[in-house]
C-alpha cells in the first residue's frame, strides 16, 4: 500500500542550507499549498471558503492512522466545493491546509463524512473502489526562494 499516494507538486532543496531554509518556511507556515480532491457525496458548489477546525491525534494502536480527538494537535483546513458529479455522486474540492499534520486532509474530510475517493486508509471499501488511486493532488505551491527570497509559484492541474 502506497501511503504517499498524493500526486502533484513536490519541492526539493539543492543542498543542506536550502533544506534548512525550506524546512523553516514550512514550519512557520510561509508556504502556500493548494490541493484538489474528489470526495464521496455531494457537497454544495460554493465559491466561499469554509474551514474545518478539528484536532488530530495519532491512533497509536492503528498507526499510521490518525483520528479526530480533543487531545490532538490543532489542525485547520480551508475548503470549497468547485464541482459535483451527479453520476458518480462525488464532489471536487479545493483544499488549503493551514496546518501541516500528517494525513490532515484525509482525516478532516473523513470527519466531515466525505472521504477522498480511492483512499485506502480512511475511506470505506465502496469509496476506495471508485478509483484505482487516491484522488488527492497538490495543484499549487508558493514560497520564497531559499537563497534570493524571490517569490516562486507553481501550478499543476490534476489529471482526474
N, C-alpha and C. Protein backbone atom coordinates (compact mmCIF):
# COMPACT_ATOMS: atom_id res chain seq x y z
N UNK A 1 0.85 -1.18 0.00
CA UNK A 1 0.00 0.00 0.00
C UNK A 1 0.89 1.23 0.00
N UNK A 2 0.65 2.16 -0.93
CA UNK A 2 1.41 3.39 -1.02
C UNK A 2 0.77 4.46 -0.13
N UNK A 3 1.41 4.79 0.98
CA UNK A 3 0.84 5.77 1.90
C UNK A 3 1.10 7.19 1.43
N UNK A 4 1.98 7.37 0.47
CA UNK A 4 2.27 8.69 -0.07
C UNK A 4 1.71 8.78 -1.49
N UNK A 5 0.46 8.51 -1.62
CA UNK A 5 -0.17 8.38 -2.93
C UNK A 5 -0.66 9.71 -3.49
N UNK A 6 -0.42 10.81 -2.80
CA UNK A 6 -0.82 12.12 -3.31
C UNK A 6 0.03 12.45 -4.53
N UNK A 7 -0.61 12.89 -5.59
CA UNK A 7 0.12 13.27 -6.80
C UNK A 7 0.35 14.79 -6.79
N UNK A 8 1.11 15.24 -7.77
CA UNK A 8 1.27 16.67 -7.95
C UNK A 8 2.64 17.21 -7.57
N UNK A 9 2.64 18.47 -7.17
CA UNK A 9 3.86 19.21 -6.91
C UNK A 9 4.61 18.72 -5.68
N UNK A 10 5.93 18.79 -5.79
CA UNK A 10 6.82 18.40 -4.71
C UNK A 10 8.01 19.34 -4.79
N UNK A 11 8.45 19.85 -3.67
CA UNK A 11 9.62 20.74 -3.67
C UNK A 11 10.78 20.01 -2.99
N UNK A 12 11.96 20.15 -3.60
CA UNK A 12 13.16 19.54 -3.04
C UNK A 12 14.26 20.60 -3.03
N UNK A 13 15.03 20.62 -1.97
CA UNK A 13 16.13 21.57 -1.84
C UNK A 13 17.37 21.05 -2.55
N UNK A 14 18.21 21.98 -2.99
CA UNK A 14 19.50 21.63 -3.58
C UNK A 14 20.59 22.02 -2.60
N UNK A 15 20.76 21.21 -1.58
CA UNK A 15 21.80 21.45 -0.59
C UNK A 15 21.23 21.59 0.81
N UNK A 16 22.11 21.41 1.79
CA UNK A 16 21.70 21.42 3.19
C UNK A 16 21.20 22.79 3.64
N UNK A 17 21.86 23.86 3.21
CA UNK A 17 21.42 25.20 3.62
C UNK A 17 20.02 25.51 3.10
N UNK A 18 19.79 25.21 1.84
CA UNK A 18 18.47 25.44 1.25
C UNK A 18 17.42 24.58 1.96
N UNK A 19 17.79 23.34 2.32
CA UNK A 19 16.86 22.46 3.02
C UNK A 19 16.45 23.05 4.36
N UNK A 20 17.41 23.59 5.10
CA UNK A 20 17.09 24.21 6.40
C UNK A 20 16.15 25.39 6.23
N UNK A 21 16.40 26.21 5.22
CA UNK A 21 15.56 27.39 4.98
C UNK A 21 14.15 26.96 4.57
N UNK A 22 14.05 25.98 3.67
CA UNK A 22 12.73 25.49 3.25
C UNK A 22 11.98 24.84 4.41
N UNK A 23 12.68 24.05 5.20
CA UNK A 23 12.04 23.41 6.35
C UNK A 23 11.50 24.46 7.31
N UNK A 24 12.27 25.51 7.55
CA UNK A 24 11.82 26.59 8.44
C UNK A 24 10.61 27.30 7.85
N UNK A 25 10.59 27.50 6.53
CA UNK A 25 9.44 28.16 5.89
C UNK A 25 8.18 27.32 6.05
N UNK A 26 8.29 26.01 5.89
CA UNK A 26 7.13 25.14 6.11
C UNK A 26 6.70 25.19 7.57
N UNK A 27 7.66 25.15 8.48
CA UNK A 27 7.34 25.17 9.91
C UNK A 27 6.65 26.47 10.32
N UNK A 28 7.06 27.58 9.72
CA UNK A 28 6.46 28.89 10.05
C UNK A 28 5.21 29.17 9.22
N UNK A 29 4.79 28.18 8.43
CA UNK A 29 3.58 28.29 7.59
C UNK A 29 3.70 29.43 6.58
N UNK A 30 4.87 29.53 5.98
CA UNK A 30 5.14 30.55 4.97
C UNK A 30 5.07 29.97 3.55
N UNK A 31 4.57 28.77 3.43
CA UNK A 31 4.43 28.12 2.14
C UNK A 31 2.94 27.97 1.85
N UNK A 32 2.51 28.48 0.71
CA UNK A 32 1.10 28.37 0.31
C UNK A 32 0.92 27.06 -0.46
N UNK A 33 -0.03 26.25 0.00
CA UNK A 33 -0.29 24.95 -0.63
C UNK A 33 -1.77 24.85 -0.97
N UNK A 34 -2.05 24.32 -2.14
CA UNK A 34 -3.44 24.07 -2.51
C UNK A 34 -3.52 22.69 -3.15
N UNK A 35 -4.60 21.98 -2.82
CA UNK A 35 -4.82 20.63 -3.31
C UNK A 35 -6.18 20.56 -3.99
N UNK A 36 -6.31 19.60 -4.88
CA UNK A 36 -7.59 19.21 -5.48
C UNK A 36 -7.89 17.80 -4.98
N UNK A 37 -9.14 17.56 -4.61
CA UNK A 37 -9.55 16.22 -4.20
C UNK A 37 -10.94 15.93 -4.73
N UNK A 38 -11.20 14.66 -4.98
CA UNK A 38 -12.55 14.20 -5.29
C UNK A 38 -13.01 13.40 -4.08
N UNK A 39 -14.16 13.77 -3.54
CA UNK A 39 -14.66 13.13 -2.33
C UNK A 39 -16.01 12.48 -2.58
N UNK A 40 -16.34 11.51 -1.75
CA UNK A 40 -17.62 10.83 -1.82
C UNK A 40 -18.73 11.78 -1.38
N UNK A 41 -19.85 11.72 -2.06
CA UNK A 41 -21.02 12.52 -1.68
C UNK A 41 -21.06 13.86 -2.38
N UNK A 42 -22.24 14.44 -2.34
CA UNK A 42 -22.47 15.72 -3.00
C UNK A 42 -22.46 16.84 -1.97
N UNK A 43 -21.56 17.78 -2.17
CA UNK A 43 -21.49 18.99 -1.35
C UNK A 43 -21.95 20.15 -2.22
N UNK A 44 -22.53 21.18 -1.63
CA UNK A 44 -22.98 22.30 -2.45
C UNK A 44 -21.80 23.07 -3.06
N UNK A 45 -21.90 23.35 -4.36
CA UNK A 45 -20.87 24.15 -5.03
C UNK A 45 -20.99 25.57 -4.49
N UNK A 46 -19.87 26.12 -4.04
CA UNK A 46 -19.87 27.42 -3.40
C UNK A 46 -18.49 28.04 -3.53
N UNK A 47 -18.43 29.29 -3.96
CA UNK A 47 -17.15 29.98 -4.11
C UNK A 47 -16.55 30.37 -2.77
N UNK A 48 -17.36 30.39 -1.72
CA UNK A 48 -16.87 30.79 -0.40
C UNK A 48 -16.06 29.67 0.25
N UNK A 49 -14.97 30.04 0.86
CA UNK A 49 -14.15 29.08 1.59
C UNK A 49 -14.78 28.79 2.94
N UNK A 50 -14.70 27.53 3.36
CA UNK A 50 -15.13 27.12 4.69
C UNK A 50 -13.91 26.54 5.40
N UNK A 51 -14.02 26.37 6.72
CA UNK A 51 -12.88 25.89 7.48
C UNK A 51 -13.26 24.69 8.35
N UNK A 52 -12.42 23.67 8.29
CA UNK A 52 -12.52 22.54 9.21
C UNK A 52 -11.49 22.80 10.30
N UNK A 53 -11.93 22.82 11.53
CA UNK A 53 -11.04 23.10 12.66
C UNK A 53 -11.23 21.95 13.66
N UNK A 54 -10.50 20.86 13.44
CA UNK A 54 -10.62 19.67 14.27
C UNK A 54 -9.23 19.16 14.65
N UNK A 55 -9.00 18.87 15.92
CA UNK A 55 -7.68 18.41 16.36
C UNK A 55 -7.42 16.96 15.94
N UNK A 56 -6.18 16.69 15.55
CA UNK A 56 -5.80 15.37 15.05
C UNK A 56 -4.81 14.72 16.01
N UNK A 57 -5.04 13.44 16.27
CA UNK A 57 -4.20 12.67 17.18
C UNK A 57 -3.78 11.37 16.48
N UNK A 58 -2.54 10.93 16.72
CA UNK A 58 -2.10 9.63 16.20
C UNK A 58 -2.92 8.54 16.87
N UNK A 59 -3.41 7.61 16.07
CA UNK A 59 -4.14 6.45 16.59
C UNK A 59 -3.09 5.36 16.83
N UNK A 60 -2.41 5.41 17.97
CA UNK A 60 -1.26 4.55 18.23
C UNK A 60 -1.51 3.07 17.97
N UNK A 61 -2.62 2.49 18.41
CA UNK A 61 -2.81 1.06 18.14
C UNK A 61 -2.95 0.75 16.64
N UNK A 62 -3.36 1.75 15.83
CA UNK A 62 -3.60 1.51 14.40
C UNK A 62 -2.68 2.36 13.51
N UNK A 63 -1.48 2.70 14.01
CA UNK A 63 -0.55 3.50 13.21
C UNK A 63 -0.42 2.90 11.82
N UNK A 64 -0.36 3.69 10.78
CA UNK A 64 -0.12 5.13 10.70
C UNK A 64 -1.38 5.98 10.75
N UNK A 65 -2.52 5.39 11.09
CA UNK A 65 -3.77 6.14 11.08
C UNK A 65 -3.77 7.27 12.11
N UNK A 66 -4.53 8.30 11.78
CA UNK A 66 -4.78 9.43 12.67
C UNK A 66 -6.27 9.46 12.93
N UNK A 67 -6.65 10.20 13.97
CA UNK A 67 -8.07 10.32 14.30
C UNK A 67 -8.34 11.72 14.85
N UNK A 68 -9.60 12.10 14.83
CA UNK A 68 -10.02 13.36 15.46
C UNK A 68 -10.18 13.08 16.94
N UNK A 69 -9.54 13.91 17.76
CA UNK A 69 -9.59 13.71 19.20
C UNK A 69 -9.34 15.04 19.90
N UNK A 70 -10.08 15.31 20.97
CA UNK A 70 -9.97 16.58 21.69
C UNK A 70 -8.55 16.84 22.18
N UNK A 71 -7.78 15.79 22.45
CA UNK A 71 -6.41 15.98 22.93
C UNK A 71 -5.38 15.99 21.80
N UNK A 72 -5.86 16.02 20.56
CA UNK A 72 -4.96 16.05 19.41
C UNK A 72 -4.38 17.43 19.16
N UNK A 73 -3.54 17.52 18.14
CA UNK A 73 -2.94 18.79 17.76
C UNK A 73 -3.95 19.61 16.97
N UNK A 74 -3.94 20.91 17.22
CA UNK A 74 -4.82 21.81 16.48
C UNK A 74 -4.55 21.65 14.98
N UNK A 75 -5.62 21.58 14.20
CA UNK A 75 -5.49 21.36 12.75
C UNK A 75 -6.62 22.09 12.04
N UNK A 76 -6.24 22.87 11.03
CA UNK A 76 -7.24 23.63 10.27
C UNK A 76 -7.02 23.41 8.77
N UNK A 77 -8.13 23.23 8.08
CA UNK A 77 -8.14 23.07 6.62
C UNK A 77 -9.21 23.97 6.04
N UNK A 78 -8.82 24.82 5.07
CA UNK A 78 -9.81 25.58 4.30
C UNK A 78 -10.23 24.72 3.11
N UNK A 79 -11.53 24.81 2.77
CA UNK A 79 -12.02 24.03 1.64
C UNK A 79 -13.19 24.74 0.97
N UNK A 80 -13.37 24.40 -0.30
CA UNK A 80 -14.57 24.83 -1.03
C UNK A 80 -14.85 23.81 -2.12
N UNK A 81 -16.12 23.65 -2.39
CA UNK A 81 -16.56 22.72 -3.43
C UNK A 81 -16.66 23.49 -4.74
N UNK A 82 -15.99 22.97 -5.77
CA UNK A 82 -15.98 23.65 -7.06
C UNK A 82 -16.81 22.93 -8.12
N UNK A 83 -17.18 21.67 -7.87
CA UNK A 83 -17.98 20.93 -8.86
C UNK A 83 -18.58 19.68 -8.22
N UNK A 84 -19.67 19.22 -8.84
CA UNK A 84 -20.31 17.96 -8.45
C UNK A 84 -20.38 17.06 -9.66
N UNK A 85 -20.35 15.76 -9.43
CA UNK A 85 -20.58 14.77 -10.48
C UNK A 85 -21.79 13.95 -10.02
N UNK A 86 -22.94 14.25 -10.60
CA UNK A 86 -24.17 13.57 -10.18
C UNK A 86 -24.14 12.08 -10.51
N UNK A 87 -23.46 11.72 -11.60
CA UNK A 87 -23.41 10.31 -11.99
C UNK A 87 -22.65 9.48 -10.96
N UNK A 88 -21.51 9.97 -10.48
CA UNK A 88 -20.71 9.20 -9.52
C UNK A 88 -21.00 9.59 -8.08
N UNK A 89 -21.86 10.61 -7.89
CA UNK A 89 -22.19 11.09 -6.54
C UNK A 89 -20.93 11.51 -5.79
N UNK A 90 -20.09 12.31 -6.48
CA UNK A 90 -18.86 12.83 -5.89
C UNK A 90 -18.80 14.34 -6.06
N UNK A 91 -17.91 14.95 -5.29
CA UNK A 91 -17.68 16.39 -5.37
C UNK A 91 -16.19 16.66 -5.52
N UNK A 92 -15.87 17.70 -6.29
CA UNK A 92 -14.48 18.13 -6.46
C UNK A 92 -14.25 19.32 -5.53
N UNK A 93 -13.21 19.20 -4.72
CA UNK A 93 -12.90 20.24 -3.74
C UNK A 93 -11.53 20.85 -4.01
N UNK A 94 -11.39 22.11 -3.60
CA UNK A 94 -10.09 22.74 -3.45
C UNK A 94 -9.83 22.78 -1.95
N UNK A 95 -8.60 22.46 -1.56
CA UNK A 95 -8.24 22.37 -0.14
C UNK A 95 -6.97 23.18 0.11
N UNK A 96 -6.94 23.86 1.25
CA UNK A 96 -5.74 24.56 1.68
C UNK A 96 -5.48 24.21 3.14
N UNK A 97 -4.46 23.39 3.41
CA UNK A 97 -4.14 23.09 4.80
C UNK A 97 -3.49 24.32 5.45
N UNK A 98 -4.05 24.77 6.55
CA UNK A 98 -3.47 25.90 7.28
C UNK A 98 -2.43 25.42 8.27
N UNK A 99 -2.53 24.16 8.65
CA UNK A 99 -1.53 23.49 9.49
C UNK A 99 -1.00 22.32 8.67
N UNK A 100 0.00 21.66 9.15
CA UNK A 100 0.64 20.62 8.36
C UNK A 100 0.72 19.28 9.07
N UNK A 101 -0.40 18.76 9.52
CA UNK A 101 -0.42 17.48 10.22
C UNK A 101 -0.41 16.32 9.21
N UNK A 102 0.19 15.22 9.61
CA UNK A 102 0.17 14.02 8.77
C UNK A 102 -1.27 13.58 8.53
N UNK A 103 -1.58 13.32 7.28
CA UNK A 103 -2.90 12.83 6.86
C UNK A 103 -4.02 13.85 7.11
N UNK A 104 -3.66 15.11 7.34
CA UNK A 104 -4.65 16.11 7.74
C UNK A 104 -5.85 16.20 6.80
N UNK A 105 -5.60 16.33 5.51
CA UNK A 105 -6.72 16.49 4.57
C UNK A 105 -7.60 15.24 4.57
N UNK A 106 -6.98 14.09 4.59
CA UNK A 106 -7.70 12.82 4.55
C UNK A 106 -8.55 12.64 5.81
N UNK A 107 -7.99 12.95 6.97
CA UNK A 107 -8.71 12.80 8.24
C UNK A 107 -9.84 13.82 8.35
N UNK A 108 -9.57 15.06 7.97
CA UNK A 108 -10.61 16.10 8.06
C UNK A 108 -11.79 15.78 7.15
N UNK A 109 -11.52 15.32 5.93
CA UNK A 109 -12.63 15.02 5.03
C UNK A 109 -13.41 13.79 5.48
N UNK A 110 -12.72 12.81 6.02
CA UNK A 110 -13.43 11.65 6.59
C UNK A 110 -14.33 12.12 7.72
N UNK A 111 -13.84 13.02 8.57
CA UNK A 111 -14.63 13.52 9.70
C UNK A 111 -15.87 14.27 9.23
N UNK A 112 -15.79 14.91 8.07
CA UNK A 112 -16.97 15.59 7.51
C UNK A 112 -17.97 14.61 6.91
N UNK A 113 -17.56 13.35 6.80
CA UNK A 113 -18.43 12.35 6.18
C UNK A 113 -18.26 12.29 4.68
N UNK A 114 -17.15 12.84 4.16
CA UNK A 114 -16.88 12.86 2.73
C UNK A 114 -15.44 12.43 2.47
N UNK A 115 -15.15 11.13 2.66
CA UNK A 115 -13.77 10.67 2.46
C UNK A 115 -13.33 10.84 1.01
N UNK A 116 -12.02 10.92 0.83
CA UNK A 116 -11.46 11.08 -0.51
C UNK A 116 -11.59 9.76 -1.26
N UNK A 117 -12.04 9.86 -2.50
CA UNK A 117 -12.21 8.69 -3.35
C UNK A 117 -10.85 8.01 -3.56
N UNK A 118 -10.85 6.68 -3.43
CA UNK A 118 -9.63 5.90 -3.62
C UNK A 118 -8.72 5.85 -2.42
N UNK A 119 -9.13 6.41 -1.28
CA UNK A 119 -8.27 6.45 -0.10
C UNK A 119 -8.24 5.08 0.59
N UNK A 120 -7.08 4.41 0.59
CA UNK A 120 -7.02 3.08 1.18
C UNK A 120 -7.00 3.07 2.71
N UNK A 121 -6.81 4.23 3.33
CA UNK A 121 -6.73 4.29 4.79
C UNK A 121 -8.00 4.79 5.46
N UNK A 122 -8.65 5.78 4.86
CA UNK A 122 -9.74 6.47 5.56
C UNK A 122 -11.11 6.34 4.89
N UNK A 123 -11.16 5.75 3.71
CA UNK A 123 -12.44 5.61 3.02
C UNK A 123 -12.97 4.19 3.19
N UNK A 124 -14.30 4.03 3.26
CA UNK A 124 -14.87 2.68 3.30
C UNK A 124 -14.60 1.97 1.97
N UNK A 125 -14.68 0.64 1.95
CA UNK A 125 -14.34 -0.12 0.74
C UNK A 125 -15.04 0.36 -0.54
N UNK A 126 -16.31 0.71 -0.47
CA UNK A 126 -17.02 1.15 -1.68
C UNK A 126 -16.43 2.44 -2.25
N UNK A 127 -15.99 3.35 -1.38
CA UNK A 127 -15.39 4.62 -1.83
C UNK A 127 -13.96 4.37 -2.31
N UNK A 128 -13.25 3.46 -1.67
CA UNK A 128 -11.92 3.09 -2.14
C UNK A 128 -11.99 2.56 -3.56
N UNK A 129 -13.00 1.74 -3.82
CA UNK A 129 -13.13 1.06 -5.10
C UNK A 129 -13.52 1.98 -6.25
N UNK A 130 -13.91 3.21 -5.98
CA UNK A 130 -14.33 4.13 -7.04
C UNK A 130 -13.16 4.64 -7.88
N UNK A 131 -11.92 4.45 -7.42
CA UNK A 131 -10.76 4.90 -8.19
C UNK A 131 -9.58 3.98 -7.91
N UNK A 132 -8.69 3.83 -8.87
CA UNK A 132 -7.53 2.95 -8.66
C UNK A 132 -6.44 3.59 -7.79
N UNK A 133 -6.62 4.87 -7.44
CA UNK A 133 -5.63 5.58 -6.63
C UNK A 133 -6.32 6.66 -5.81
N UNK A 134 -5.60 7.20 -4.86
CA UNK A 134 -6.10 8.30 -4.05
C UNK A 134 -6.28 9.53 -4.94
N UNK A 135 -7.48 10.10 -4.96
CA UNK A 135 -7.75 11.28 -5.78
C UNK A 135 -7.49 12.55 -4.97
N UNK A 136 -6.22 12.74 -4.66
CA UNK A 136 -5.72 13.92 -3.94
C UNK A 136 -4.48 14.38 -4.67
N UNK A 137 -4.45 15.67 -5.05
CA UNK A 137 -3.40 16.19 -5.92
C UNK A 137 -2.93 17.55 -5.45
N UNK A 138 -1.63 17.71 -5.25
CA UNK A 138 -1.04 19.00 -4.89
C UNK A 138 -0.96 19.85 -6.16
N UNK A 139 -1.87 20.83 -6.29
CA UNK A 139 -2.01 21.55 -7.56
C UNK A 139 -1.35 22.92 -7.58
N UNK A 140 -1.02 23.49 -6.42
CA UNK A 140 -0.38 24.81 -6.41
C UNK A 140 0.53 24.92 -5.19
N UNK A 141 1.65 25.58 -5.42
CA UNK A 141 2.65 25.75 -4.36
C UNK A 141 3.30 27.11 -4.54
N UNK A 142 3.41 27.86 -3.44
CA UNK A 142 4.06 29.16 -3.49
C UNK A 142 4.97 29.33 -2.28
N UNK A 143 6.16 29.84 -2.53
CA UNK A 143 7.12 30.06 -1.45
C UNK A 143 8.19 31.04 -1.89
N UNK A 144 9.00 31.48 -0.95
CA UNK A 144 10.12 32.36 -1.26
C UNK A 144 11.34 31.50 -1.60
N UNK A 145 12.08 31.90 -2.63
CA UNK A 145 13.29 31.18 -3.00
C UNK A 145 14.24 31.17 -1.80
N UNK A 146 14.81 30.01 -1.44
CA UNK A 146 15.61 29.93 -0.22
C UNK A 146 16.89 30.78 -0.25
N UNK A 147 17.40 31.11 -1.42
CA UNK A 147 18.62 31.93 -1.49
C UNK A 147 18.31 33.40 -1.72
N UNK A 148 17.46 33.69 -2.71
CA UNK A 148 17.21 35.09 -3.08
C UNK A 148 16.01 35.71 -2.38
N UNK A 149 15.11 34.87 -1.91
CA UNK A 149 13.88 35.39 -1.30
C UNK A 149 12.82 35.77 -2.33
N UNK A 150 13.13 35.62 -3.62
CA UNK A 150 12.17 35.96 -4.67
C UNK A 150 10.95 35.04 -4.57
N UNK A 151 9.75 35.61 -4.79
CA UNK A 151 8.55 34.76 -4.73
C UNK A 151 8.53 33.76 -5.89
N UNK A 152 8.18 32.52 -5.57
CA UNK A 152 8.05 31.46 -6.56
C UNK A 152 6.65 30.87 -6.45
N UNK A 153 6.10 30.48 -7.60
CA UNK A 153 4.77 29.86 -7.60
C UNK A 153 4.70 28.86 -8.74
N UNK A 154 4.13 27.70 -8.42
CA UNK A 154 3.94 26.65 -9.42
C UNK A 154 2.49 26.18 -9.39
N UNK A 155 1.98 25.83 -10.59
CA UNK A 155 0.65 25.25 -10.72
C UNK A 155 0.77 23.96 -11.52
N UNK A 156 0.00 22.96 -11.12
CA UNK A 156 0.00 21.67 -11.80
C UNK A 156 -1.42 21.10 -11.69
N UNK A 157 -2.26 21.28 -12.68
CA UNK A 157 -3.65 20.81 -12.60
C UNK A 157 -3.72 19.29 -12.42
N UNK A 158 -4.74 18.86 -11.72
CA UNK A 158 -4.97 17.42 -11.51
C UNK A 158 -5.34 16.76 -12.83
N UNK A 159 -4.94 15.51 -13.00
CA UNK A 159 -5.29 14.77 -14.22
C UNK A 159 -6.52 13.89 -14.03
N UNK A 160 -7.28 14.17 -12.97
CA UNK A 160 -8.51 13.42 -12.74
C UNK A 160 -9.67 14.36 -12.60
